Structures are given as C-alpha cells and as structure tokens.
Amino acid sequence: TSVLLFEGSITLLIPLQESVQAEQDRRRFPEVYKKVILGIIGFYLVFGISCWASFGNDVHTVLTTSLPDGLFAISVQLAYSIAVIFTFPLQNFPALEIACKSISHALVQSGNAEPGSWPTRRNVIASFLVVCLAIIAMTTMESLDRVVSLMGALLGCPIAFVFPPVLYDRICQPTDPRTRFWNRAVTLLGVTAMIFASIITILEW
C-alpha cells in the first residue's frame, strides 16, 4: 500500500514541475512539494490512528462504512462519493489514454476496426474499461486492503523502483561505478519487494 501511494505521488512530480512557469517558483518547487507530501503523510497517519482509536479492531476496510447510522454519516459518504466521481477522470486519464491507443492500434492492425473511427472507438474502449473497473471495485470492496496491497506489489514496485534505474542505465549509460551499483541495488530491492509482498498478500487472502 505504501509503495502504491509512493508510486502514485512520484508520477505527478514531473508534470507538476513542468507546469510551473516562473523560474523563481520552479526553484522553490522541490521544497514546496516535500512539505505537501509530508503534510499528506501526516494527514493519513492522523486519520488512520483516529479511526482505529474510535472503532478499534471493528474498523472496516472502507472507513466511511464504520460511521454510525445518521445524517452525519450519510453526508460524509455523499461528499466522499462526489469527490471520487469528479476526481476519477483526472486520476485515470493517462492510463485510459494509453490503454485506448494500444487497444485501438491492435484492432486496426488486425483489421477489426477502421483507421478513421478513433473518437468513437476511443469512447467505446474507455467506457468498457470504466465498467470493468466498477465491477472490480464492487466485487472486491470487502477485500480492498488486499487488492491495494497486491496492486502495490505487482504494479507499484516495478514502476517506482525497477523501471526507473533500468531505463536510466539504458538511456544515460552512466560510467560512474557507484551510480551503476546503486541503480542495480534499487532494481534488486524493487524485484525483491515485489516478490515478497505479492507472496505475503496472496497467502493472507
């Protein structure tokens, strides 16, 4: 879970920094980004500890379902649902674009789709993927913690720790032995974490 959160935040680093226009603000960006990430981590810690202190071992994986029945619980769940609905397109836009283009290219190459029908084909593929995600979310809601852990192990670890040093070695071809050593060490750490975390999550399912 921690790796998945790290991978999700680190992928936003370059787009956010590139969107900063003023050179002075760009120089301040690393410090601001660090403070924001530390603030988010602190909020997660306080929120998780507060929920556990309030509900004990009876706390549910989806924390909003642990709230007692009443108007306050309904308002919190409604606000959370609205936030998810409006942020879902933004969160999934890069992944959906890559998936739609890859699937569309494969369909065109196989002769099952016309090259000029991209907008319609893109909407159909995106809708199908969103429906699949909704079905997965509904069927795995009670096992959300395990699903997130498995995603962090199988997907987060390679993206965050394996691919970056491997790509850096291939593209930049560093000659410094220390740089190559640390890149290989991080790659080995990512592969090891992926294997162990996946095995532990599957065994505890």
C-alpha atoms as a PDB file:
ATOM      1  CA  THR A   1       0.000   0.000   0.000  1.00  0.00           C
ATOM      2  CA  SER A   2       2.804   2.406   0.883  1.00  0.00           C
ATOM      3  CA  VAL A   3       4.579   1.635  -2.391  1.00  0.00           C
ATOM      4  CA  LEU A   4       1.369   2.257  -4.345  1.00  0.00           C
ATOM      5  CA  LEU A   5       0.936   5.642  -2.650  1.00  0.00           C
ATOM      6  CA  PHE A   6       4.577   6.497  -3.355  1.00  0.00           C
ATOM      7  CA  GLU A   7       4.261   5.449  -6.994  1.00  0.00           C
ATOM      8  CA  GLY A   8       1.091   7.489  -7.382  1.00  0.00           C
ATOM      9  CA  SER A   9       2.678  10.639  -5.988  1.00  0.00           C
ATOM     10  CA  ILE A  10       6.039  10.321  -7.727  1.00  0.00           C
ATOM     11  CA  THR A  11       4.439  10.100 -11.189  1.00  0.00           C
ATOM     12  CA  LEU A  12       2.922  13.555 -10.653  1.00  0.00           C
ATOM     13  CA  LEU A  13       6.300  15.142  -9.913  1.00  0.00           C
ATOM     14  CA  ILE A  14       7.432  15.892 -13.479  1.00  0.00           C
ATOM     15  CA  PRO A  15       4.020  17.116 -14.799  1.00  0.00           C
ATOM     16  CA  LEU A  16       3.599  19.408 -11.795  1.00  0.00           C
ATOM     17  CA  GLN A  17       7.101  20.832 -12.076  1.00  0.00           C
ATOM     18  CA  GLU A  18       6.748  21.356 -15.831  1.00  0.00           C
ATOM     19  CA  SER A  19       3.507  23.280 -15.286  1.00  0.00           C
ATOM     20  CA  VAL A  20       5.294  25.865 -13.109  1.00  0.00           C
ATOM     21  CA  GLN A  21       6.002  28.870 -15.347  1.00  0.00           C
ATOM     22  CA  ALA A  22       8.123  31.286 -13.288  1.00  0.00           C
ATOM     23  CA  GLU A  23      11.771  30.309 -12.820  1.00  0.00           C
ATOM     24  CA  GLN A  24      11.717  31.509  -9.213  1.00  0.00           C
ATOM     25  CA  ASP A  25       8.712  29.341  -8.416  1.00  0.00           C
ATOM     26  CA  ARG A  26      10.365  26.384 -10.159  1.00  0.00           C
ATOM     27  CA  ARG A  27      13.389  26.680  -7.871  1.00  0.00           C
ATOM     28  CA  ARG A  28      11.069  26.658  -4.857  1.00  0.00           C
ATOM     29  CA  PHE A  29       9.095  23.674  -6.154  1.00  0.00           C
ATOM     30  CA  PRO A  30      11.157  20.873  -4.503  1.00  0.00           C
ATOM     31  CA  GLU A  31      10.745  22.399  -1.047  1.00  0.00           C
ATOM     32  CA  VAL A  32       7.030  23.046  -1.536  1.00  0.00           C
ATOM     33  CA  TYR A  33       6.494  19.544  -2.929  1.00  0.00           C
ATOM     34  CA  LYS A  34       8.294  17.998   0.042  1.00  0.00           C
ATOM     35  CA  LYS A  35       6.144  19.937   2.514  1.00  0.00           C
ATOM     36  CA  VAL A  36       2.949  18.960   0.695  1.00  0.00           C
ATOM     37  CA  ILE A  37       3.882  15.261   0.663  1.00  0.00           C
ATOM     38  CA  LEU A  38       4.823  15.364   4.357  1.00  0.00           C
ATOM     39  CA  GLY A  39       1.507  17.071   5.095  1.00  0.00           C
ATOM     40  CA  ILE A  40      -0.414  14.372   3.216  1.00  0.00           C
ATOM     41  CA  ILE A  41       1.503  11.623   5.031  1.00  0.00           C
ATOM     42  CA  GLY A  42       0.748  13.313   8.353  1.00  0.00           C
ATOM     43  CA  PHE A  43      -2.945  13.535   7.464  1.00  0.00           C
ATOM     44  CA  TYR A  44      -3.041   9.834   6.542  1.00  0.00           C
ATOM     45  CA  LEU A  45      -1.392   8.921   9.853  1.00  0.00           C
ATOM     46  CA  VAL A  46      -3.708  11.083  11.966  1.00  0.00           C
ATOM     47  CA  PHE A  47      -6.788   9.922  10.064  1.00  0.00           C
ATOM     48  CA  GLY A  48      -5.895   6.227  10.319  1.00  0.00           C
ATOM     49  CA  ILE A  49      -4.949   6.411  14.005  1.00  0.00           C
ATOM     50  CA  SER A  50      -8.095   8.399  14.831  1.00  0.00           C
ATOM     51  CA  CYS A  51     -10.326   5.866  13.073  1.00  0.00           C
ATOM     52  CA  TRP A  52      -8.633   2.952  14.813  1.00  0.00           C
ATOM     53  CA  ALA A  53      -8.863   4.718  18.195  1.00  0.00           C
ATOM     54  CA  SER A  54     -12.565   5.388  17.611  1.00  0.00           C
ATOM     55  CA  PHE A  55     -13.647   1.984  16.291  1.00  0.00           C
ATOM     56  CA  GLY A  56     -10.890  -0.376  17.477  1.00  0.00           C
ATOM     57  CA  ASN A  57     -10.492  -3.697  15.695  1.00  0.00           C
ATOM     58  CA  ASP A  58     -14.029  -3.387  14.324  1.00  0.00           C
ATOM     59  CA  VAL A  59     -12.951  -0.713  11.837  1.00  0.00           C
ATOM     60  CA  HIS A  60     -13.896  -1.642   8.275  1.00  0.00           C
ATOM     61  CA  THR A  61     -11.575  -1.528   5.283  1.00  0.00           C
ATOM     62  CA  VAL A  62     -13.748   1.221   3.788  1.00  0.00           C
ATOM     63  CA  LEU A  63     -13.626   3.613   6.729  1.00  0.00           C
ATOM     64  CA  THR A  64     -16.782   5.525   5.824  1.00  0.00           C
ATOM     65  CA  THR A  65     -18.825   2.349   6.391  1.00  0.00           C
ATOM     66  CA  SER A  66     -17.620   2.321  10.010  1.00  0.00           C
ATOM     67  CA  LEU A  67     -19.501   5.537  10.785  1.00  0.00           C
ATOM     68  CA  PRO A  68     -22.679   5.142  12.879  1.00  0.00           C
ATOM     69  CA  ASP A  69     -26.000   5.480  11.098  1.00  0.00           C
ATOM     70  CA  GLY A  70     -27.280   9.016  10.888  1.00  0.00           C
ATOM     71  CA  LEU A  71     -27.317  12.225   8.908  1.00  0.00           C
ATOM     72  CA  PHE A  72     -23.624  12.918   9.542  1.00  0.00           C
ATOM     73  CA  ALA A  73     -22.536   9.537   8.176  1.00  0.00           C
ATOM     74  CA  ILE A  74     -24.718   9.967   5.100  1.00  0.00           C
ATOM     75  CA  SER A  75     -23.320  13.445   4.452  1.00  0.00           C
ATOM     76  CA  VAL A  76     -19.722  12.190   4.767  1.00  0.00           C
ATOM     77  CA  GLN A  77     -20.368   9.268   2.408  1.00  0.00           C
ATOM     78  CA  LEU A  78     -22.145  11.565  -0.053  1.00  0.00           C
ATOM     79  CA  ALA A  79     -19.288  14.083  -0.016  1.00  0.00           C
ATOM     80  CA  TYR A  80     -16.748  11.294  -0.487  1.00  0.00           C
ATOM     81  CA  SER A  81     -18.736   9.830  -3.390  1.00  0.00           C
ATOM     82  CA  ILE A  82     -18.946  13.218  -5.106  1.00  0.00           C
ATOM     83  CA  ALA A  83     -15.198  13.733  -4.662  1.00  0.00           C
ATOM     84  CA  VAL A  84     -14.455  10.315  -6.176  1.00  0.00           C
ATOM     85  CA  ILE A  85     -16.790  10.938  -9.122  1.00  0.00           C
ATOM     86  CA  PHE A  86     -15.176  14.263 -10.006  1.00  0.00           C
ATOM     87  CA  THR A  87     -11.558  13.144  -9.488  1.00  0.00           C
ATOM     88  CA  PHE A  88     -11.886   9.760 -11.209  1.00  0.00           C
ATOM     89  CA  PRO A  89     -11.475  11.119 -14.780  1.00  0.00           C
ATOM     90  CA  LEU A  90      -8.383  13.100 -13.786  1.00  0.00           C
ATOM     91  CA  GLN A  91      -6.777  10.156 -12.000  1.00  0.00           C
ATOM     92  CA  ASN A  92      -7.407   7.677 -14.791  1.00  0.00           C
ATOM     93  CA  PHE A  93      -6.923   9.907 -17.844  1.00  0.00           C
ATOM     94  CA  PRO A  94      -3.250   8.962 -18.529  1.00  0.00           C
ATOM     95  CA  ALA A  95      -3.833   5.229 -18.050  1.00  0.00           C
ATOM     96  CA  LEU A  96      -7.044   5.241 -20.100  1.00  0.00           C
ATOM     97  CA  GLU A  97      -5.379   7.154 -22.943  1.00  0.00           C
ATOM     98  CA  ILE A  98      -2.504   4.675 -23.108  1.00  0.00           C
ATOM     99  CA  ALA A  99      -4.855   1.683 -22.917  1.00  0.00           C
ATOM    100  CA  CYS A 100      -7.250   3.102 -25.528  1.00  0.00           C
ATOM    101  CA  LYS A 101      -4.464   3.890 -28.001  1.00  0.00           C
ATOM    102  CA  SER A 102      -2.850   0.475 -27.518  1.00  0.00           C
ATOM    103  CA  ILE A 103      -6.114  -1.433 -27.932  1.00  0.00           C
ATOM    104  CA  SER A 104      -7.171   0.747 -30.867  1.00  0.00           C
ATOM    105  CA  HIS A 105      -3.832   0.226 -32.614  1.00  0.00           C
ATOM    106  CA  ALA A 106      -4.130  -3.536 -32.128  1.00  0.00           C
ATOM    107  CA  LEU A 107      -7.679  -3.523 -33.550  1.00  0.00           C
ATOM    108  CA  VAL A 108      -6.608  -1.513 -36.605  1.00  0.00           C
ATOM    109  CA  GLN A 109      -3.608  -3.755 -37.218  1.00  0.00           C
ATOM    110  CA  SER A 110      -5.792  -6.871 -37.028  1.00  0.00           C
ATOM    111  CA  GLY A 111      -8.305  -5.370 -39.469  1.00  0.00           C
ATOM    112  CA  ASN A 112     -11.183  -5.324 -36.965  1.00  0.00           C
ATOM    113  CA  ALA A 113     -11.510  -1.516 -36.937  1.00  0.00           C
ATOM    114  CA  GLU A 114     -11.352   1.360 -39.408  1.00  0.00           C
ATOM    115  CA  PRO A 115      -8.389   3.764 -39.014  1.00  0.00           C
ATOM    116  CA  GLY A 116     -10.588   6.887 -39.160  1.00  0.00           C
ATOM    117  CA  SER A 117     -13.074   5.995 -36.411  1.00  0.00           C
ATOM    118  CA  TRP A 118     -10.771   6.904 -33.486  1.00  0.00           C
ATOM    119  CA  PRO A 119     -13.127   9.170 -31.414  1.00  0.00           C
ATOM    120  CA  THR A 120     -15.967   6.646 -31.367  1.00  0.00           C
ATOM    121  CA  ARG A 121     -13.609   3.731 -30.816  1.00  0.00           C
ATOM    122  CA  ARG A 122     -11.854   5.590 -28.002  1.00  0.00           C
ATOM    123  CA  ASN A 123     -15.160   6.312 -26.219  1.00  0.00           C
ATOM    124  CA  VAL A 124     -16.289   2.690 -26.518  1.00  0.00           C
ATOM    125  CA  ILE A 125     -12.982   1.321 -25.202  1.00  0.00           C
ATOM    126  CA  ALA A 126     -12.861   3.856 -22.354  1.00  0.00           C
ATOM    127  CA  SER A 127     -16.465   3.095 -21.352  1.00  0.00           C
ATOM    128  CA  PHE A 128     -15.755  -0.640 -21.378  1.00  0.00           C
ATOM    129  CA  LEU A 129     -12.659  -0.191 -19.196  1.00  0.00           C
ATOM    130  CA  VAL A 130     -14.538   2.041 -16.738  1.00  0.00           C
ATOM    131  CA  VAL A 131     -17.330  -0.545 -16.441  1.00  0.00           C
ATOM    132  CA  CYS A 132     -14.718  -3.253 -15.792  1.00  0.00           C
ATOM    133  CA  LEU A 133     -13.136  -1.104 -13.081  1.00  0.00           C
ATOM    134  CA  ALA A 134     -16.558  -0.512 -11.497  1.00  0.00           C
ATOM    135  CA  ILE A 135     -17.287  -4.257 -11.431  1.00  0.00           C
ATOM    136  CA  ILE A 136     -13.885  -4.986  -9.887  1.00  0.00           C
ATOM    137  CA  ALA A 137     -14.428  -2.253  -7.284  1.00  0.00           C
ATOM    138  CA  MET A 138     -17.848  -3.589  -6.279  1.00  0.00           C
ATOM    139  CA  THR A 139     -16.739  -7.220  -6.067  1.00  0.00           C
ATOM    140  CA  THR A 140     -13.552  -6.508  -4.089  1.00  0.00           C
ATOM    141  CA  MET A 141     -14.826  -3.805  -1.715  1.00  0.00           C
ATOM    142  CA  GLU A 142     -14.536  -6.050   1.344  1.00  0.00           C
ATOM    143  CA  SER A 143     -11.000  -7.045   0.320  1.00  0.00           C
ATOM    144  CA  LEU A 144      -9.883  -3.554  -0.662  1.00  0.00           C
ATOM    145  CA  ASP A 145      -6.822  -3.651   1.592  1.00  0.00           C
ATOM    146  CA  ARG A 146      -5.572  -6.861  -0.044  1.00  0.00           C
ATOM    147  CA  VAL A 147      -6.329  -5.604  -3.558  1.00  0.00           C
ATOM    148  CA  VAL A 148      -4.402  -2.378  -2.937  1.00  0.00           C
ATOM    149  CA  SER A 149      -1.514  -4.346  -1.423  1.00  0.00           C
ATOM    150  CA  LEU A 150      -1.406  -6.678  -4.422  1.00  0.00           C
ATOM    151  CA  MET A 151      -1.511  -3.733  -6.827  1.00  0.00           C
ATOM    152  CA  GLY A 152       1.317  -2.071  -4.929  1.00  0.00           C
ATOM    153  CA  ALA A 153       3.367  -5.251  -5.083  1.00  0.00           C
ATOM    154  CA  LEU A 154       2.770  -6.251  -8.706  1.00  0.00           C
ATOM    155  CA  LEU A 155       2.456  -2.786 -10.265  1.00  0.00           C
ATOM    156  CA  GLY A 156       3.769  -0.177  -7.842  1.00  0.00           C
ATOM    157  CA  CYS A 157       7.125  -1.812  -7.090  1.00  0.00           C
ATOM    158  CA  PRO A 158       8.211  -2.201 -10.741  1.00  0.00           C
ATOM    159  CA  ILE A 159       7.054   1.294 -11.730  1.00  0.00           C
ATOM    160  CA  ALA A 160       8.607   3.004  -8.706  1.00  0.00           C
ATOM    161  CA  PHE A 161      11.801   1.004  -8.139  1.00  0.00           C
ATOM    162  CA  VAL A 162      12.592  -1.300 -11.091  1.00  0.00           C
ATOM    163  CA  PHE A 163      11.900   0.567 -14.322  1.00  0.00           C
ATOM    164  CA  PRO A 164      13.435   3.998 -13.449  1.00  0.00           C
ATOM    165  CA  PRO A 165      17.002   2.761 -12.739  1.00  0.00           C
ATOM    166  CA  VAL A 166      16.868   0.276 -15.641  1.00  0.00           C
ATOM    167  CA  LEU A 167      15.748   2.985 -18.068  1.00  0.00           C
ATOM    168  CA  TYR A 168      18.342   5.387 -16.684  1.00  0.00           C
ATOM    169  CA  ASP A 169      21.107   2.839 -17.299  1.00  0.00           C
ATOM    170  CA  ARG A 170      19.860   2.146 -20.830  1.00  0.00           C
ATOM    171  CA  ILE A 171      19.399   5.799 -21.839  1.00  0.00           C
ATOM    172  CA  CYS A 172      22.174   7.636 -19.983  1.00  0.00           C
ATOM    173  CA  GLN A 173      24.669   4.748 -19.800  1.00  0.00           C
ATOM    174  CA  PRO A 174      26.473   6.101 -16.712  1.00  0.00           C
ATOM    175  CA  THR A 175      30.182   5.342 -16.381  1.00  0.00           C
ATOM    176  CA  ASP A 176      30.402   6.006 -12.647  1.00  0.00           C
ATOM    177  CA  PRO A 177      30.620   2.609 -10.862  1.00  0.00           C
ATOM    178  CA  ARG A 178      28.781   3.951  -7.814  1.00  0.00           C
ATOM    179  CA  THR A 179      25.864   5.139  -9.924  1.00  0.00           C
ATOM    180  CA  ARG A 180      25.575   1.773 -11.652  1.00  0.00           C
ATOM    181  CA  PHE A 181      25.860  -0.022  -8.310  1.00  0.00           C
ATOM    182  CA  TRP A 182      23.066   1.995  -6.703  1.00  0.00           C
ATOM    183  CA  ASN A 183      20.846   1.628  -9.763  1.00  0.00           C
ATOM    184  CA  ARG A 184      21.254  -2.135  -9.648  1.00  0.00           C
ATOM    185  CA  ALA A 185      20.731  -2.156  -5.883  1.00  0.00           C
ATOM    186  CA  VAL A 186      17.453  -0.240  -6.228  1.00  0.00           C
ATOM    187  CA  THR A 187      16.364  -2.581  -9.030  1.00  0.00           C
ATOM    188  CA  LEU A 188      17.136  -5.632  -6.888  1.00  0.00           C
ATOM    189  CA  LEU A 189      15.276  -4.059  -3.957  1.00  0.00           C
ATOM    190  CA  GLY A 190      12.229  -3.467  -6.153  1.00  0.00           C
ATOM    191  CA  VAL A 191      12.199  -7.023  -7.510  1.00  0.00           C
ATOM    192  CA  THR A 192      12.646  -8.478  -4.009  1.00  0.00           C
ATOM    193  CA  ALA A 193       9.888  -6.292  -2.556  1.00  0.00           C
ATOM    194  CA  MET A 194       7.572  -7.203  -5.436  1.00  0.00           C
ATOM    195  CA  ILE A 195       8.074 -10.948  -4.923  1.00  0.00           C
ATOM    196  CA  PHE A 196       7.803 -10.962  -1.123  1.00  0.00           C
ATOM    197  CA  ALA A 197       4.870  -8.531  -0.944  1.00  0.00           C
ATOM    198  CA  SER A 198       2.951 -10.468  -3.603  1.00  0.00           C
ATOM    199  CA  ILE A 199       3.517 -13.807  -1.866  1.00  0.00           C
ATOM    200  CA  ILE A 200       2.545 -12.453   1.564  1.00  0.00           C
ATOM    201  CA  THR A 201      -0.607 -10.781   0.204  1.00  0.00           C
ATOM    202  CA  ILE A 202      -1.727 -13.914  -1.653  1.00  0.00           C
ATOM    203  CA  LEU A 203      -1.065 -16.165   1.372  1.00  0.00           C
ATOM    204  CA  GLU A 204      -3.081 -13.848   3.663  1.00  0.00           C
ATOM    205  CA  TRP A 205      -6.056 -13.582   1.255  1.00  0.00           C
END
